[in-house]
Amino acid sequence: MKFLRKAATVLAVVGAISGALIVWSSHRRKAKLNLCRQQAEEGDTASERQLGFLYYQGKGVPRDYTKSAYWYQKAADQGDIESQVMVGNMYRKGQGLPQDYHLAASWYAKAAAYNDPRAEVGLGFAYYYGKGVPQDFSEAVRWYRKAADQGDAKAQDNLGSVYYFGKALPQDYVEAVRWYRKAADQGLAVAQYDLGLMYDRGEGVPQNHREALRWYRKAAAQGYLEAKQALTSHSKIGSKIGYAVAILRYLVAIFAAVVGLWFSTEFLWRRKSLHDSSQRIVTVLGIFCLLYAGLSMFGFAHDNFRDSAYANVFFLAKWIIVGGVVAIGIVFVRTPRNAS
């Protein structure tokens, strides 16, 4: 009973402290939000941008694109580059503002004048698809390349697609792979999927389904839908091939078991027709076949064994046995026999 009372007391203290911390943290967040709002209303650009971000993401406040656009717009009007890019994005997507590609391109151009790579990507998109500006593939490539040279992953992926489809530049799968890889190495899911496709199709790189699956998995881990679908498609094809291979392996193992039993008992049935050395060779050959069959069956029964630390030893042993079977078989064939 004393132990239970002490435990209850400790739990009560811990609960009280946790509750106090939660209340304190909540009051602190509200105080910071109120301070940010007060400074934003006084015209502080950083606070205006921060409020725009909080309303856009729904952090500490309910998500509200209209209020987000309002505060981003105020910061953008004061020349804040990040806010100018966000206003361009929100005009392009119609989030909190009426969808207007012309105004989106206008805001991108303002930020791009300061070499902001996100704005350059936005302008490249506008020119590539003719959204708010006349369609101009060459101009799109110019902006994509400016952003890509600054290390922007999205621009690098877009530039890879330009090379892949060959609209503004000569079609070049090798260059496409080079830019896809730059973006994929930065963790961009769409680029990882694009690079997986190149390996899958053997375009710009030697065809390598294993490498394709590796990049698909990276993109799928980030929730990229097309990558998940590609993995599903591969698993269906792979399962059919794997099923056929598994059946073949089972048949080989069963054949080895039958041959092993027959050879290992051959000297009992045909003792008079073979030399003693031949009898021993046949017996050993049969034992080797039985060992191969046993190892194969063990591998089938334990599918996860191939991923264990002993997998290499296991497969090496199988191939040593196969070599032994072949060698003993050759010796057996060359061994002279007496007439019955």
C-alpha atoms as a PDB file:
ATOM      1  CA  MET A   1       0.000   0.000   0.000  1.00  0.00           C
ATOM      2  CA  LYS A   2       2.828   2.399   0.853  1.00  0.00           C
ATOM      3  CA  PHE A   3       4.364   1.741  -2.550  1.00  0.00           C
ATOM      4  CA  LEU A   4       1.063   2.472  -4.299  1.00  0.00           C
ATOM      5  CA  ARG A   5       0.624   5.710  -2.332  1.00  0.00           C
ATOM      6  CA  LYS A   6       4.135   6.827  -3.249  1.00  0.00           C
ATOM      7  CA  ALA A   7       3.573   5.929  -6.903  1.00  0.00           C
ATOM      8  CA  ALA A   8       0.288   7.848  -6.928  1.00  0.00           C
ATOM      9  CA  THR A   9       2.019  10.871  -5.366  1.00  0.00           C
ATOM     10  CA  VAL A  10       4.798  10.791  -7.961  1.00  0.00           C
ATOM     11  CA  LEU A  11       2.290  10.490 -10.812  1.00  0.00           C
ATOM     12  CA  ALA A  12       0.285  13.393  -9.407  1.00  0.00           C
ATOM     13  CA  VAL A  13       3.403  15.578  -9.188  1.00  0.00           C
ATOM     14  CA  VAL A  14       4.480  14.647 -12.708  1.00  0.00           C
ATOM     15  CA  GLY A  15       0.971  15.343 -14.017  1.00  0.00           C
ATOM     16  CA  ALA A  16       0.853  18.715 -12.294  1.00  0.00           C
ATOM     17  CA  ILE A  17       4.264  19.717 -13.681  1.00  0.00           C
ATOM     18  CA  SER A  18       3.300  18.547 -17.197  1.00  0.00           C
ATOM     19  CA  GLY A  19       0.045  20.483 -17.045  1.00  0.00           C
ATOM     20  CA  ALA A  20       1.849  23.609 -15.824  1.00  0.00           C
ATOM     21  CA  LEU A  21       4.384  23.310 -18.661  1.00  0.00           C
ATOM     22  CA  ILE A  22       1.611  22.937 -21.240  1.00  0.00           C
ATOM     23  CA  VAL A  23      -0.209  26.023 -19.915  1.00  0.00           C
ATOM     24  CA  TRP A  24       3.039  28.005 -19.786  1.00  0.00           C
ATOM     25  CA  SER A  25       3.980  26.948 -23.336  1.00  0.00           C
ATOM     26  CA  SER A  26       0.519  27.907 -24.616  1.00  0.00           C
ATOM     27  CA  HIS A  27       0.675  31.343 -22.969  1.00  0.00           C
ATOM     28  CA  ARG A  28       4.189  31.845 -24.333  1.00  0.00           C
ATOM     29  CA  ARG A  29       3.088  31.037 -27.903  1.00  0.00           C
ATOM     30  CA  LYS A  30       0.142  33.406 -27.590  1.00  0.00           C
ATOM     31  CA  ALA A  31       2.395  36.149 -26.219  1.00  0.00           C
ATOM     32  CA  LYS A  32       4.844  35.699 -29.124  1.00  0.00           C
ATOM     33  CA  LEU A  33       1.964  35.714 -31.635  1.00  0.00           C
ATOM     34  CA  ASN A  34       0.502  38.876 -30.118  1.00  0.00           C
ATOM     35  CA  LEU A  35       3.894  40.569 -30.189  1.00  0.00           C
ATOM     36  CA  CYS A  36       4.397  39.521 -33.819  1.00  0.00           C
ATOM     37  CA  ARG A  37       0.953  40.854 -34.736  1.00  0.00           C
ATOM     38  CA  GLN A  38       1.602  44.143 -32.929  1.00  0.00           C
ATOM     39  CA  GLN A  39       4.940  44.624 -34.708  1.00  0.00           C
ATOM     40  CA  ALA A  40       3.376  43.691 -38.060  1.00  0.00           C
ATOM     41  CA  GLU A  41       0.641  46.271 -37.568  1.00  0.00           C
ATOM     42  CA  GLU A  42       3.359  48.815 -36.912  1.00  0.00           C
ATOM     43  CA  GLY A  43       4.871  48.014 -40.325  1.00  0.00           C
ATOM     44  CA  ASP A  44       7.716  45.645 -39.395  1.00  0.00           C
ATOM     45  CA  THR A  45       8.483  43.694 -42.576  1.00  0.00           C
ATOM     46  CA  ALA A  46       9.864  40.564 -40.883  1.00  0.00           C
ATOM     47  CA  SER A  47       6.788  40.348 -38.630  1.00  0.00           C
ATOM     48  CA  GLU A  48       4.459  40.768 -41.618  1.00  0.00           C
ATOM     49  CA  ARG A  49       6.257  37.947 -43.410  1.00  0.00           C
ATOM     50  CA  GLN A  50       6.146  35.785 -40.262  1.00  0.00           C
ATOM     51  CA  LEU A  51       2.395  36.309 -39.871  1.00  0.00           C
ATOM     52  CA  GLY A  52       1.916  35.405 -43.519  1.00  0.00           C
ATOM     53  CA  PHE A  53       3.877  32.207 -42.947  1.00  0.00           C
ATOM     54  CA  LEU A  54       1.943  31.279 -39.787  1.00  0.00           C
ATOM     55  CA  TYR A  55      -1.453  31.738 -41.468  1.00  0.00           C
ATOM     56  CA  TYR A  56      -0.249  29.867 -44.592  1.00  0.00           C
ATOM     57  CA  GLN A  57       1.002  26.866 -42.612  1.00  0.00           C
ATOM     58  CA  GLY A  58      -1.646  27.018 -39.877  1.00  0.00           C
ATOM     59  CA  LYS A  59       0.947  27.117 -37.113  1.00  0.00           C
ATOM     60  CA  GLY A  60      -0.389  28.548 -33.872  1.00  0.00           C
ATOM     61  CA  VAL A  61      -3.400  29.937 -35.755  1.00  0.00           C
ATOM     62  CA  PRO A  62      -6.074  28.385 -37.974  1.00  0.00           C
ATOM     63  CA  ARG A  63      -4.885  28.093 -41.577  1.00  0.00           C
ATOM     64  CA  ASP A  64      -6.209  31.076 -43.511  1.00  0.00           C
ATOM     65  CA  TYR A  65      -4.896  31.784 -47.019  1.00  0.00           C
ATOM     66  CA  THR A  66      -6.701  35.128 -47.211  1.00  0.00           C
ATOM     67  CA  LYS A  67      -5.011  36.462 -44.079  1.00  0.00           C
ATOM     68  CA  SER A  68      -1.732  34.912 -45.194  1.00  0.00           C
ATOM     69  CA  ALA A  69      -1.941  36.711 -48.541  1.00  0.00           C
ATOM     70  CA  TYR A  70      -2.818  39.982 -46.782  1.00  0.00           C
ATOM     71  CA  TRP A  71       0.324  39.927 -44.638  1.00  0.00           C
ATOM     72  CA  TYR A  72       2.603  38.602 -47.372  1.00  0.00           C
ATOM     73  CA  GLN A  73       1.324  41.373 -49.662  1.00  0.00           C
ATOM     74  CA  LYS A  74       2.145  44.032 -47.066  1.00  0.00           C
ATOM     75  CA  ALA A  75       5.689  42.694 -46.689  1.00  0.00           C
ATOM     76  CA  ALA A  76       6.095  42.346 -50.467  1.00  0.00           C
ATOM     77  CA  ASP A  77       5.069  45.960 -50.985  1.00  0.00           C
ATOM     78  CA  GLN A  78       7.988  46.913 -48.751  1.00  0.00           C
ATOM     79  CA  GLY A  79      10.387  44.988 -50.980  1.00  0.00           C
ATOM     80  CA  ASP A  80      10.688  41.733 -49.012  1.00  0.00           C
ATOM     81  CA  ILE A  81      11.914  39.229 -51.610  1.00  0.00           C
ATOM     82  CA  GLU A  82      10.616  36.063 -49.921  1.00  0.00           C
ATOM     83  CA  SER A  83       7.179  37.650 -49.583  1.00  0.00           C
ATOM     84  CA  GLN A  84       7.212  38.700 -53.247  1.00  0.00           C
ATOM     85  CA  VAL A  85       7.813  35.078 -54.232  1.00  0.00           C
ATOM     86  CA  MET A  86       4.995  33.906 -51.968  1.00  0.00           C
ATOM     87  CA  VAL A  87       2.575  36.490 -53.371  1.00  0.00           C
ATOM     88  CA  GLY A  88       3.510  35.268 -56.853  1.00  0.00           C
ATOM     89  CA  ASN A  89       2.857  31.673 -55.778  1.00  0.00           C
ATOM     90  CA  MET A  90      -0.508  32.560 -54.261  1.00  0.00           C
ATOM     91  CA  TYR A  91      -1.619  34.445 -57.372  1.00  0.00           C
ATOM     92  CA  ARG A  92      -0.531  31.477 -59.513  1.00  0.00           C
ATOM     93  CA  LYS A  93      -2.375  28.926 -57.350  1.00  0.00           C
ATOM     94  CA  GLY A  94      -5.335  31.145 -56.443  1.00  0.00           C
ATOM     95  CA  GLN A  95      -4.695  30.762 -52.727  1.00  0.00           C
ATOM     96  CA  GLY A  96      -6.187  33.675 -50.784  1.00  0.00           C
ATOM     97  CA  LEU A  97      -6.040  35.772 -53.955  1.00  0.00           C
ATOM     98  CA  PRO A  98      -7.852  35.556 -57.302  1.00  0.00           C
ATOM     99  CA  GLN A  99      -5.875  33.345 -59.670  1.00  0.00           C
ATOM    100  CA  ASP A 100      -3.976  35.708 -61.952  1.00  0.00           C
ATOM    101  CA  TYR A 101      -0.982  34.407 -63.918  1.00  0.00           C
ATOM    102  CA  HIS A 102      -0.047  37.872 -65.131  1.00  0.00           C
ATOM    103  CA  LEU A 103       0.284  39.248 -61.593  1.00  0.00           C
ATOM    104  CA  ALA A 104       2.083  36.078 -60.532  1.00  0.00           C
ATOM    105  CA  ALA A 105       4.690  36.584 -63.257  1.00  0.00           C
ATOM    106  CA  SER A 106       4.965  40.254 -62.306  1.00  0.00           C
ATOM    107  CA  TRP A 107       5.788  39.435 -58.681  1.00  0.00           C
ATOM    108  CA  TYR A 108       8.237  36.713 -59.745  1.00  0.00           C
ATOM    109  CA  ALA A 109      10.007  39.238 -61.962  1.00  0.00           C
ATOM    110  CA  LYS A 110      10.411  41.663 -59.037  1.00  0.00           C
ATOM    111  CA  ALA A 111      12.064  39.012 -56.866  1.00  0.00           C
ATOM    112  CA  ALA A 112      14.078  37.559 -59.757  1.00  0.00           C
ATOM    113  CA  ALA A 113      15.683  40.975 -60.237  1.00  0.00           C
ATOM    114  CA  TYR A 114      17.519  40.173 -56.969  1.00  0.00           C
ATOM    115  CA  ASN A 115      18.594  36.717 -58.232  1.00  0.00           C
ATOM    116  CA  ASP A 116      16.176  34.805 -56.015  1.00  0.00           C
ATOM    117  CA  PRO A 117      16.200  31.207 -57.380  1.00  0.00           C
ATOM    118  CA  ARG A 118      12.584  30.517 -56.346  1.00  0.00           C
ATOM    119  CA  ALA A 119      11.414  33.525 -58.319  1.00  0.00           C
ATOM    120  CA  GLU A 120      13.562  32.446 -61.280  1.00  0.00           C
ATOM    121  CA  VAL A 121      11.901  29.025 -61.215  1.00  0.00           C
ATOM    122  CA  GLY A 122       8.503  30.756 -61.146  1.00  0.00           C
ATOM    123  CA  LEU A 123       9.411  32.889 -64.161  1.00  0.00           C
ATOM    124  CA  GLY A 124      10.759  29.836 -65.972  1.00  0.00           C
ATOM    125  CA  PHE A 125       7.451  28.071 -65.352  1.00  0.00           C
ATOM    126  CA  ALA A 126       5.512  31.098 -66.623  1.00  0.00           C
ATOM    127  CA  TYR A 127       7.497  31.288 -69.872  1.00  0.00           C
ATOM    128  CA  TYR A 128       7.525  27.519 -70.432  1.00  0.00           C
ATOM    129  CA  TYR A 129       3.747  27.192 -70.221  1.00  0.00           C
ATOM    130  CA  GLY A 130       2.833  30.709 -71.370  1.00  0.00           C
ATOM    131  CA  LYS A 131       1.131  31.567 -68.074  1.00  0.00           C
ATOM    132  CA  GLY A 132       0.833  35.358 -67.764  1.00  0.00           C
ATOM    133  CA  VAL A 133       3.552  35.929 -70.371  1.00  0.00           C
ATOM    134  CA  PRO A 134       3.955  34.892 -74.025  1.00  0.00           C
ATOM    135  CA  GLN A 135       5.206  31.288 -74.240  1.00  0.00           C
ATOM    136  CA  ASP A 136       8.949  31.314 -74.837  1.00  0.00           C
ATOM    137  CA  PHE A 137      10.926  28.112 -74.315  1.00  0.00           C
ATOM    138  CA  SER A 138      14.299  29.831 -74.677  1.00  0.00           C
ATOM    139  CA  GLU A 139      13.419  32.369 -71.996  1.00  0.00           C
ATOM    140  CA  ALA A 140      12.125  29.573 -69.779  1.00  0.00           C
ATOM    141  CA  VAL A 141      15.429  27.717 -70.107  1.00  0.00           C
ATOM    142  CA  ARG A 142      17.361  30.889 -69.314  1.00  0.00           C
ATOM    143  CA  TRP A 143      15.527  31.339 -66.013  1.00  0.00           C
ATOM    144  CA  TYR A 144      15.628  27.642 -65.135  1.00  0.00           C
ATOM    145  CA  ARG A 145      19.373  27.574 -65.736  1.00  0.00           C
ATOM    146  CA  LYS A 146      19.990  30.690 -63.603  1.00  0.00           C
ATOM    147  CA  ALA A 147      18.182  29.039 -60.691  1.00  0.00           C
ATOM    148  CA  ALA A 148      19.733  25.610 -61.324  1.00  0.00           C
ATOM    149  CA  ASP A 149      23.229  27.086 -61.294  1.00  0.00           C
ATOM    150  CA  GLN A 150      22.439  28.418 -57.817  1.00  0.00           C
ATOM    151  CA  GLY A 151      21.612  24.883 -56.685  1.00  0.00           C
ATOM    152  CA  ASP A 152      17.816  25.096 -56.722  1.00  0.00           C
ATOM    153  CA  ALA A 153      16.574  21.486 -56.875  1.00  0.00           C
ATOM    154  CA  LYS A 154      13.264  22.285 -58.562  1.00  0.00           C
ATOM    155  CA  ALA A 155      15.036  24.243 -61.293  1.00  0.00           C
ATOM    156  CA  GLN A 156      17.474  21.381 -61.809  1.00  0.00           C
ATOM    157  CA  ASP A 157      14.622  18.905 -62.190  1.00  0.00           C
ATOM    158  CA  ASN A 158      12.810  21.228 -64.608  1.00  0.00           C
ATOM    159  CA  LEU A 159      15.977  21.672 -66.649  1.00  0.00           C
ATOM    160  CA  GLY A 160      16.346  17.889 -66.772  1.00  0.00           C
ATOM    161  CA  SER A 161      12.798  17.667 -68.154  1.00  0.00           C
ATOM    162  CA  VAL A 162      13.610  20.299 -70.778  1.00  0.00           C
ATOM    163  CA  TYR A 163      16.503  18.152 -71.990  1.00  0.00           C
ATOM    164  CA  TYR A 164      14.357  15.021 -71.803  1.00  0.00           C
ATOM    165  CA  PHE A 165      11.483  16.333 -73.940  1.00  0.00           C
ATOM    166  CA  GLY A 166      13.712  18.400 -76.239  1.00  0.00           C
ATOM    167  CA  LYS A 167      11.337  21.349 -76.663  1.00  0.00           C
ATOM    168  CA  ALA A 168      13.677  24.262 -76.030  1.00  0.00           C
ATOM    169  CA  LEU A 169      16.953  22.360 -76.305  1.00  0.00           C
ATOM    170  CA  PRO A 170      18.137  19.411 -78.387  1.00  0.00           C
ATOM    171  CA  GLN A 171      16.883  16.212 -76.783  1.00  0.00           C
ATOM    172  CA  ASP A 172      19.676  14.822 -74.631  1.00  0.00           C
ATOM    173  CA  TYR A 173      18.950  11.992 -72.205  1.00  0.00           C
ATOM    174  CA  VAL A 174      22.461  12.082 -70.724  1.00  0.00           C
ATOM    175  CA  GLU A 175      22.075  15.765 -69.798  1.00  0.00           C
ATOM    176  CA  ALA A 176      18.590  15.033 -68.480  1.00  0.00           C
ATOM    177  CA  VAL A 177      20.013  12.378 -66.162  1.00  0.00           C
ATOM    178  CA  ARG A 178      22.765  14.735 -65.016  1.00  0.00           C
ATOM    179  CA  TRP A 179      20.276  17.400 -63.911  1.00  0.00           C
ATOM    180  CA  TYR A 180      17.796  14.902 -62.479  1.00  0.00           C
ATOM    181  CA  ARG A 181      20.592  13.445 -60.369  1.00  0.00           C
ATOM    182  CA  LYS A 182      21.616  16.862 -59.033  1.00  0.00           C
ATOM    183  CA  ALA A 183      18.053  17.476 -57.859  1.00  0.00           C
ATOM    184  CA  ALA A 184      17.530  13.903 -56.625  1.00  0.00           C
ATOM    185  CA  ASP A 185      20.676  14.068 -54.506  1.00  0.00           C
ATOM    186  CA  GLN A 186      19.099  17.047 -52.730  1.00  0.00           C
ATOM    187  CA  GLY A 187      16.084  14.902 -51.827  1.00  0.00           C
ATOM    188  CA  LEU A 188      13.523  16.277 -54.305  1.00  0.00           C
ATOM    189  CA  ALA A 189      10.930  13.507 -54.648  1.00  0.00           C
ATOM    190  CA  VAL A 190       9.871  14.276 -58.229  1.00  0.00           C
ATOM    191  CA  ALA A 191      13.529  14.248 -59.335  1.00  0.00           C
ATOM    192  CA  GLN A 192      14.108  10.929 -57.584  1.00  0.00           C
ATOM    193  CA  TYR A 193      11.142   9.514 -59.455  1.00  0.00           C
ATOM    194  CA  ASP A 194      12.357  10.997 -62.762  1.00  0.00           C
ATOM    195  CA  LEU A 195      15.813   9.504 -62.241  1.00  0.00           C
ATOM    196  CA  GLY A 196      14.222   6.162 -61.420  1.00  0.00           C
ATOM    197  CA  LEU A 197      12.336   6.308 -64.716  1.00  0.00           C
ATOM    198  CA  MET A 198      15.570   6.915 -66.631  1.00  0.00           C
ATOM    199  CA  TYR A 199      17.142   3.823 -65.080  1.00  0.00           C
ATOM    200  CA  ASP A 200      13.941   1.857 -65.644  1.00  0.00           C
ATOM    201  CA  ARG A 201      13.878   2.711 -69.361  1.00  0.00           C
ATOM    202  CA  GLY A 202      17.620   2.752 -69.932  1.00  0.00           C
ATOM    203  CA  GLU A 203      17.551   6.325 -71.215  1.00  0.00           C
ATOM    204  CA  GLY A 204      20.771   8.270 -70.677  1.00  0.00           C
ATOM    205  CA  VAL A 205      22.088   5.475 -68.445  1.00  0.00           C
ATOM    206  CA  PRO A 206      22.432   1.689 -68.812  1.00  0.00           C
ATOM    207  CA  GLN A 207      19.129   0.041 -67.940  1.00  0.00           C
ATOM    208  CA  ASN A 208      19.192  -1.002 -64.297  1.00  0.00           C
ATOM    209  CA  HIS A 209      15.929  -2.012 -62.665  1.00  0.00           C
ATOM    210  CA  ARG A 210      17.519  -2.390 -59.247  1.00  0.00           C
ATOM    211  CA  GLU A 211      18.782   1.205 -59.345  1.00  0.00           C
ATOM    212  CA  ALA A 212      15.385   2.339 -60.618  1.00  0.00           C
ATOM    213  CA  LEU A 213      13.688   0.692 -57.646  1.00  0.00           C
ATOM    214  CA  ARG A 214      16.149   2.343 -55.274  1.00  0.00           C
ATOM    215  CA  TRP A 215      15.172   5.822 -56.516  1.00  0.00           C
ATOM    216  CA  TYR A 216      11.472   4.924 -56.627  1.00  0.00           C
ATOM    217  CA  ARG A 217      11.649   3.900 -52.968  1.00  0.00           C
ATOM    218  CA  LYS A 218      13.301   7.194 -52.015  1.00  0.00           C
ATOM    219  CA  ALA A 219      10.521   9.161 -53.729  1.00  0.00           C
ATOM    220  CA  ALA A 220       7.777   6.891 -52.373  1.00  0.00           C
ATOM    221  CA  ALA A 221       9.109   7.353 -48.835  1.00  0.00           C
ATOM    222  CA  GLN A 222       8.254  11.042 -49.247  1.00  0.00           C
ATOM    223  CA  GLY A 223       4.728  10.167 -50.337  1.00  0.00           C
ATOM    224  CA  TYR A 224       5.220  10.715 -54.082  1.00  0.00           C
ATOM    225  CA  LEU A 225       2.236   8.941 -55.664  1.00  0.00           C
ATOM    226  CA  GLU A 226       3.757   8.105 -59.071  1.00  0.00           C
ATOM    227  CA  ALA A 227       6.715   6.447 -57.355  1.00  0.00           C
ATOM    228  CA  LYS A 228       4.367   4.306 -55.251  1.00  0.00           C
ATOM    229  CA  GLN A 229       2.521   3.260 -58.401  1.00  0.00           C
ATOM    230  CA  ALA A 230       5.819   2.404 -60.115  1.00  0.00           C
ATOM    231  CA  LEU A 231       6.823   0.225 -57.163  1.00  0.00           C
ATOM    232  CA  THR A 232       3.456  -1.531 -57.257  1.00  0.00           C
ATOM    233  CA  SER A 233       3.845  -2.186 -60.976  1.00  0.00           C
ATOM    234  CA  HIS A 234       7.339  -3.598 -60.476  1.00  0.00           C
ATOM    235  CA  SER A 235       6.191  -5.798 -57.610  1.00  0.00           C
ATOM    236  CA  LYS A 236       3.481  -7.348 -59.809  1.00  0.00           C
ATOM    237  CA  ILE A 237       5.922  -8.094 -62.618  1.00  0.00           C
ATOM    238  CA  GLY A 238       8.590  -9.179 -60.161  1.00  0.00           C
ATOM    239  CA  SER A 239       6.207 -11.473 -58.314  1.00  0.00           C
ATOM    240  CA  LYS A 240       5.346 -13.365 -61.530  1.00  0.00           C
ATOM    241  CA  ILE A 241       8.991 -13.777 -62.489  1.00  0.00           C
ATOM    242  CA  GLY A 242       9.925 -14.635 -58.925  1.00  0.00           C
ATOM    243  CA  TYR A 243       7.165 -17.263 -58.772  1.00  0.00           C
ATOM    244  CA  ALA A 244       8.467 -18.933 -61.936  1.00  0.00           C
ATOM    245  CA  VAL A 245      12.061 -18.867 -60.665  1.00  0.00           C
ATOM    246  CA  ALA A 246      10.963 -20.288 -57.313  1.00  0.00           C
ATOM    247  CA  ILE A 247       9.207 -23.203 -59.022  1.00  0.00           C
ATOM    248  CA  LEU A 248      12.341 -23.889 -61.100  1.00  0.00           C
ATOM    249  CA  ARG A 249      14.525 -23.834 -57.988  1.00  0.00           C
ATOM    250  CA  TYR A 250      12.177 -26.234 -56.206  1.00  0.00           C
ATOM    251  CA  LEU A 251      12.287 -28.630 -59.159  1.00  0.00           C
ATOM    252  CA  VAL A 252      16.103 -28.528 -59.245  1.00  0.00           C
ATOM    253  CA  ALA A 253      16.274 -29.213 -55.505  1.00  0.00           C
ATOM    254  CA  ILE A 254      13.844 -32.130 -55.768  1.00  0.00           C
ATOM    255  CA  PHE A 255      15.802 -33.531 -58.733  1.00  0.00           C
ATOM    256  CA  ALA A 256      19.034 -33.255 -56.732  1.00  0.00           C
ATOM    257  CA  ALA A 257      17.404 -35.075 -53.809  1.00  0.00           C
ATOM    258  CA  VAL A 258      16.193 -37.921 -56.045  1.00  0.00           C
ATOM    259  CA  VAL A 259      19.567 -38.243 -57.789  1.00  0.00           C
ATOM    260  CA  GLY A 260      21.330 -38.099 -54.441  1.00  0.00           C
ATOM    261  CA  LEU A 261      19.238 -40.895 -52.961  1.00  0.00           C
ATOM    262  CA  TRP A 262      19.735 -43.020 -56.053  1.00  0.00           C
ATOM    263  CA  PHE A 263      23.508 -42.489 -56.281  1.00  0.00           C
ATOM    264  CA  SER A 264      24.115 -42.940 -52.568  1.00  0.00           C
ATOM    265  CA  THR A 265      22.389 -46.319 -52.616  1.00  0.00           C
ATOM    266  CA  GLU A 266      23.730 -47.413 -56.030  1.00  0.00           C
ATOM    267  CA  PHE A 267      26.467 -49.569 -54.506  1.00  0.00           C
ATOM    268  CA  LEU A 268      23.817 -51.580 -52.636  1.00  0.00           C
ATOM    269  CA  TRP A 269      21.971 -52.448 -55.840  1.00  0.00           C
ATOM    270  CA  ARG A 270      24.904 -52.913 -58.228  1.00  0.00           C
ATOM    271  CA  ARG A 271      27.706 -54.013 -55.917  1.00  0.00           C
ATOM    272  CA  LYS A 272      29.115 -56.518 -58.407  1.00  0.00           C
ATOM    273  CA  SER A 273      29.144 -54.222 -61.435  1.00  0.00           C
ATOM    274  CA  LEU A 274      31.381 -51.474 -60.022  1.00  0.00           C
ATOM    275  CA  HIS A 275      34.907 -51.241 -58.672  1.00  0.00           C
ATOM    276  CA  ASP A 276      35.237 -50.306 -55.029  1.00  0.00           C
ATOM    277  CA  SER A 277      36.525 -46.842 -56.076  1.00  0.00           C
ATOM    278  CA  SER A 278      33.480 -46.319 -58.294  1.00  0.00           C
ATOM    279  CA  GLN A 279      31.218 -47.328 -55.475  1.00  0.00           C
ATOM    280  CA  ARG A 280      32.800 -44.732 -53.243  1.00  0.00           C
ATOM    281  CA  ILE A 281      32.599 -42.042 -55.938  1.00  0.00           C
ATOM    282  CA  VAL A 282      28.928 -42.706 -56.557  1.00  0.00           C
ATOM    283  CA  THR A 283      28.203 -42.676 -52.852  1.00  0.00           C
ATOM    284  CA  VAL A 284      30.003 -39.335 -52.320  1.00  0.00           C
ATOM    285  CA  LEU A 285      28.268 -37.909 -55.384  1.00  0.00           C
ATOM    286  CA  GLY A 286      24.933 -38.905 -53.908  1.00  0.00           C
ATOM    287  CA  ILE A 287      25.793 -37.343 -50.554  1.00  0.00           C
ATOM    288  CA  PHE A 288      26.781 -34.071 -52.246  1.00  0.00           C
ATOM    289  CA  CYS A 289      23.498 -33.988 -54.145  1.00  0.00           C
ATOM    290  CA  LEU A 290      21.607 -34.574 -50.920  1.00  0.00           C
ATOM    291  CA  LEU A 291      23.545 -31.744 -49.242  1.00  0.00           C
ATOM    292  CA  TYR A 292      22.673 -29.393 -52.098  1.00  0.00           C
ATOM    293  CA  ALA A 293      19.022 -30.362 -51.887  1.00  0.00           C
ATOM    294  CA  GLY A 294      19.047 -29.886 -48.108  1.00  0.00           C
ATOM    295  CA  LEU A 295      20.640 -26.433 -48.301  1.00  0.00           C
ATOM    296  CA  SER A 296      18.206 -25.397 -51.035  1.00  0.00           C
ATOM    297  CA  MET A 297      15.219 -26.513 -49.012  1.00  0.00           C
ATOM    298  CA  PHE A 298      16.601 -24.698 -45.971  1.00  0.00           C
ATOM    299  CA  GLY A 299      16.885 -21.519 -48.033  1.00  0.00           C
ATOM    300  CA  PHE A 300      13.307 -21.895 -49.272  1.00  0.00           C
ATOM    301  CA  ALA A 301      11.990 -22.458 -45.765  1.00  0.00           C
ATOM    302  CA  HIS A 302      13.794 -19.367 -44.425  1.00  0.00           C
ATOM    303  CA  ASP A 303      13.243 -16.604 -46.964  1.00  0.00           C
ATOM    304  CA  ASN A 304      14.839 -13.991 -44.689  1.00  0.00           C
ATOM    305  CA  PHE A 305      18.034 -16.018 -44.335  1.00  0.00           C
ATOM    306  CA  ARG A 306      19.455 -14.393 -47.473  1.00  0.00           C
ATOM    307  CA  ASP A 307      19.577 -11.068 -45.591  1.00  0.00           C
ATOM    308  CA  SER A 308      21.407 -12.509 -42.575  1.00  0.00           C
ATOM    309  CA  ALA A 309      25.099 -12.227 -41.745  1.00  0.00           C
ATOM    310  CA  TYR A 310      25.624 -15.841 -42.873  1.00  0.00           C
ATOM    311  CA  ALA A 311      24.025 -15.429 -46.287  1.00  0.00           C
ATOM    312  CA  ASN A 312      27.339 -15.231 -48.152  1.00  0.00           C
ATOM    313  CA  VAL A 313      28.666 -18.346 -46.405  1.00  0.00           C
ATOM    314  CA  PHE A 314      25.409 -20.133 -47.186  1.00  0.00           C
ATOM    315  CA  PHE A 315      25.516 -19.390 -50.912  1.00  0.00           C
ATOM    316  CA  LEU A 316      29.258 -20.082 -51.103  1.00  0.00           C
ATOM    317  CA  ALA A 317      28.651 -23.504 -49.574  1.00  0.00           C
ATOM    318  CA  LYS A 318      25.966 -24.224 -52.159  1.00  0.00           C
ATOM    319  CA  TRP A 319      28.300 -23.376 -55.028  1.00  0.00           C
ATOM    320  CA  ILE A 320      31.132 -25.424 -53.519  1.00  0.00           C
ATOM    321  CA  ILE A 321      28.755 -28.368 -53.362  1.00  0.00           C
ATOM    322  CA  VAL A 322      27.688 -27.803 -56.964  1.00  0.00           C
ATOM    323  CA  GLY A 323      31.362 -27.743 -57.976  1.00  0.00           C
ATOM    324  CA  GLY A 324      31.952 -30.916 -56.002  1.00  0.00           C
ATOM    325  CA  VAL A 325      29.040 -32.659 -57.714  1.00  0.00           C
ATOM    326  CA  VAL A 326      30.407 -31.712 -61.141  1.00  0.00           C
ATOM    327  CA  ALA A 327      33.973 -32.794 -60.280  1.00  0.00           C
ATOM    328  CA  ILE A 328      32.917 -36.111 -58.762  1.00  0.00           C
ATOM    329  CA  GLY A 329      30.619 -36.726 -61.721  1.00  0.00           C
ATOM    330  CA  ILE A 330      33.524 -36.256 -64.122  1.00  0.00           C
ATOM    331  CA  VAL A 331      35.705 -38.642 -62.099  1.00  0.00           C
ATOM    332  CA  PHE A 332      32.852 -41.163 -62.050  1.00  0.00           C
ATOM    333  CA  VAL A 333      32.402 -41.030 -65.808  1.00  0.00           C
ATOM    334  CA  ARG A 334      36.108 -41.560 -66.396  1.00  0.00           C
ATOM    335  CA  THR A 335      36.391 -44.453 -63.922  1.00  0.00           C
ATOM    336  CA  PRO A 336      36.613 -47.821 -65.751  1.00  0.00           C
ATOM    337  CA  ARG A 337      33.959 -50.431 -64.888  1.00  0.00           C
ATOM    338  CA  ASN A 338      33.964 -54.240 -64.965  1.00  0.00           C
ATOM    339  CA  ALA A 339      31.484 -56.092 -67.084  1.00  0.00           C
ATOM    340  CA  SER A 340      28.511 -57.517 -65.227  1.00  0.00           C
END
